[in-house]
Amino acid sequence: MNIFKKIKSSLTDVKNEAKKVTWPSKKITIKDSFIIIVISLTTAAFLGGVDYVLSLIIENIYTA
């Protein structure tokens, strides 16, 4: 089997498998994206706060 037949076969398999996938609805995708954004922003704020507090502690240790 030459390379072009292998590529064509692989692409056909991918196309057939993609048809079997159950894709989420637009509503679910938007809801899940919103949840991910909120969790990411919350995590970023928490880590930023921890970084700020630790920086203050380290700064006070070195200036003391």
N, C-alpha and C. Protein backbone atom coordinates (compact mmCIF):
# COMPACT_ATOMS: atom_id res chain seq x y z
N MET A 1 0.85 -1.18 0.00
CA MET A 1 0.00 0.00 0.00
C MET A 1 0.89 1.24 0.00
N ASN A 2 0.69 2.13 -0.95
CA ASN A 2 1.55 3.30 -0.99
C ASN A 2 1.08 4.37 -0.01
N ILE A 3 1.87 5.40 0.13
CA ILE A 3 1.64 6.42 1.15
C ILE A 3 0.34 7.17 0.92
N PHE A 4 -0.02 7.44 -0.34
CA PHE A 4 -1.24 8.19 -0.61
C PHE A 4 -2.49 7.40 -0.26
N LYS A 5 -2.46 6.09 -0.48
CA LYS A 5 -3.59 5.25 -0.11
C LYS A 5 -3.73 5.19 1.41
N LYS A 6 -2.59 5.16 2.12
CA LYS A 6 -2.62 5.14 3.58
C LYS A 6 -3.21 6.46 4.12
N ILE A 7 -2.80 7.56 3.51
CA ILE A 7 -3.31 8.87 3.95
C ILE A 7 -4.81 8.95 3.70
N LYS A 8 -5.24 8.52 2.50
CA LYS A 8 -6.66 8.56 2.17
C LYS A 8 -7.45 7.67 3.13
N SER A 9 -6.93 6.50 3.43
CA SER A 9 -7.60 5.59 4.34
C SER A 9 -7.71 6.20 5.74
N SER A 10 -6.65 6.82 6.18
CA SER A 10 -6.65 7.45 7.51
C SER A 10 -7.67 8.58 7.57
N LEU A 11 -7.69 9.41 6.54
CA LEU A 11 -8.64 10.53 6.52
C LEU A 11 -10.08 10.04 6.46
N THR A 12 -10.32 8.96 5.74
CA THR A 12 -11.66 8.37 5.68
C THR A 12 -12.06 7.85 7.06
N ASP A 13 -11.13 7.21 7.74
CA ASP A 13 -11.41 6.71 9.10
C ASP A 13 -11.72 7.85 10.05
N VAL A 14 -10.96 8.93 9.95
CA VAL A 14 -11.19 10.10 10.82
C VAL A 14 -12.58 10.67 10.55
N LYS A 15 -12.93 10.80 9.29
CA LYS A 15 -14.25 11.34 8.92
C LYS A 15 -15.37 10.46 9.47
N ASN A 16 -15.22 9.15 9.34
CA ASN A 16 -16.24 8.23 9.85
C ASN A 16 -16.35 8.28 11.37
N GLU A 17 -15.23 8.39 12.06
CA GLU A 17 -15.26 8.47 13.52
C GLU A 17 -15.86 9.80 13.98
N ALA A 18 -15.58 10.89 13.26
CA ALA A 18 -16.12 12.20 13.62
C ALA A 18 -17.64 12.21 13.53
N LYS A 19 -18.20 11.42 12.62
CA LYS A 19 -19.65 11.33 12.49
C LYS A 19 -20.28 10.64 13.69
N LYS A 20 -19.52 9.81 14.40
CA LYS A 20 -20.04 9.06 15.54
C LYS A 20 -20.03 9.88 16.84
N VAL A 21 -19.32 10.99 16.83
CA VAL A 21 -19.16 11.80 18.04
C VAL A 21 -20.47 12.50 18.37
N THR A 22 -20.83 12.51 19.64
CA THR A 22 -21.99 13.26 20.10
C THR A 22 -21.49 14.62 20.58
N TRP A 23 -21.70 15.64 19.79
CA TRP A 23 -21.21 16.97 20.11
C TRP A 23 -22.16 17.65 21.08
N PRO A 24 -21.64 18.43 22.04
CA PRO A 24 -22.53 19.13 22.98
C PRO A 24 -23.28 20.26 22.27
N SER A 25 -24.40 20.63 22.86
CA SER A 25 -25.19 21.72 22.28
C SER A 25 -24.48 23.05 22.52
N LYS A 26 -24.94 24.08 21.80
CA LYS A 26 -24.36 25.42 21.96
C LYS A 26 -24.56 25.92 23.38
N LYS A 27 -25.73 25.65 23.95
CA LYS A 27 -26.04 26.09 25.32
C LYS A 27 -25.08 25.46 26.33
N ILE A 28 -24.83 24.19 26.21
CA ILE A 28 -23.92 23.49 27.13
C ILE A 28 -22.49 23.99 26.95
N THR A 29 -22.09 24.21 25.70
CA THR A 29 -20.74 24.71 25.43
C THR A 29 -20.53 26.08 26.05
N ILE A 30 -21.50 26.96 25.91
CA ILE A 30 -21.39 28.31 26.48
C ILE A 30 -21.35 28.23 28.01
N LYS A 31 -22.21 27.40 28.60
CA LYS A 31 -22.25 27.25 30.07
C LYS A 31 -20.92 26.73 30.59
N ASP A 32 -20.41 25.68 29.95
CA ASP A 32 -19.14 25.09 30.39
C ASP A 32 -17.98 26.07 30.21
N SER A 33 -17.99 26.84 29.11
CA SER A 33 -16.94 27.83 28.89
C SER A 33 -16.98 28.90 29.98
N PHE A 34 -18.18 29.33 30.34
CA PHE A 34 -18.34 30.33 31.39
C PHE A 34 -17.79 29.81 32.72
N ILE A 35 -18.11 28.57 33.03
CA ILE A 35 -17.61 27.96 34.28
C ILE A 35 -16.09 27.93 34.28
N ILE A 36 -15.50 27.55 33.16
CA ILE A 36 -14.04 27.47 33.07
C ILE A 36 -13.42 28.86 33.23
N ILE A 37 -14.01 29.87 32.62
CA ILE A 37 -13.49 31.24 32.75
C ILE A 37 -13.57 31.71 34.20
N VAL A 38 -14.69 31.45 34.86
CA VAL A 38 -14.86 31.87 36.26
C VAL A 38 -13.85 31.16 37.16
N ILE A 39 -13.68 29.86 36.97
CA ILE A 39 -12.71 29.12 37.78
C ILE A 39 -11.29 29.62 37.52
N SER A 40 -10.97 29.91 36.27
CA SER A 40 -9.63 30.41 35.93
C SER A 40 -9.38 31.77 36.58
N LEU A 41 -10.36 32.67 36.51
CA LEU A 41 -10.19 33.99 37.12
C LEU A 41 -10.09 33.90 38.64
N THR A 42 -10.89 33.02 39.24
CA THR A 42 -10.83 32.83 40.69
C THR A 42 -9.47 32.28 41.11
N THR A 43 -8.98 31.31 40.38
CA THR A 43 -7.66 30.74 40.67
C THR A 43 -6.57 31.79 40.50
N ALA A 44 -6.65 32.57 39.44
CA ALA A 44 -5.65 33.61 39.21
C ALA A 44 -5.67 34.65 40.33
N ALA A 45 -6.86 35.05 40.78
CA ALA A 45 -6.96 36.02 41.87
C ALA A 45 -6.40 35.43 43.17
N PHE A 46 -6.73 34.18 43.45
CA PHE A 46 -6.22 33.54 44.66
C PHE A 46 -4.70 33.46 44.64
N LEU A 47 -4.14 32.97 43.52
CA LEU A 47 -2.68 32.84 43.43
C LEU A 47 -2.01 34.21 43.45
N GLY A 48 -2.64 35.20 42.84
CA GLY A 48 -2.09 36.56 42.91
C GLY A 48 -2.07 37.08 44.33
N GLY A 49 -3.14 36.80 45.09
CA GLY A 49 -3.19 37.21 46.49
C GLY A 49 -2.14 36.51 47.33
N VAL A 50 -1.98 35.22 47.12
CA VAL A 50 -0.96 34.46 47.85
C VAL A 50 0.42 34.99 47.51
N ASP A 51 0.67 35.26 46.25
CA ASP A 51 1.96 35.80 45.82
C ASP A 51 2.23 37.15 46.49
N TYR A 52 1.21 38.00 46.53
CA TYR A 52 1.37 39.31 47.14
C TYR A 52 1.69 39.20 48.62
N VAL A 53 0.96 38.35 49.33
CA VAL A 53 1.18 38.17 50.78
C VAL A 53 2.57 37.60 51.04
N LEU A 54 2.96 36.59 50.28
CA LEU A 54 4.29 36.00 50.46
C LEU A 54 5.40 37.01 50.13
N SER A 55 5.17 37.84 49.12
CA SER A 55 6.15 38.88 48.79
C SER A 55 6.31 39.86 49.95
N LEU A 56 5.18 40.24 50.58
CA LEU A 56 5.26 41.14 51.73
C LEU A 56 6.01 40.49 52.88
N ILE A 57 5.74 39.22 53.13
CA ILE A 57 6.43 38.51 54.22
C ILE A 57 7.92 38.44 53.95
N ILE A 58 8.30 38.06 52.75
CA ILE A 58 9.73 37.96 52.41
C ILE A 58 10.40 39.32 52.47
N GLU A 59 9.70 40.35 51.98
CA GLU A 59 10.24 41.70 52.03
C GLU A 59 10.49 42.14 53.47
N ASN A 60 9.54 41.82 54.37
CA ASN A 60 9.70 42.20 55.78
C ASN A 60 10.83 41.41 56.44
N ILE A 61 11.05 40.17 56.02
CA ILE A 61 12.15 39.37 56.59
C ILE A 61 13.49 39.97 56.20
N TYR A 62 13.64 40.37 54.93
CA TYR A 62 14.93 40.88 54.46
C TYR A 62 15.19 42.30 54.92
N THR A 63 14.15 43.08 55.20
CA THR A 63 14.38 44.45 55.65
C THR A 63 14.45 44.56 57.16
N ALA A 64 14.17 43.47 57.87
CA ALA A 64 14.19 43.51 59.33
C ALA A 64 15.58 43.40 59.88
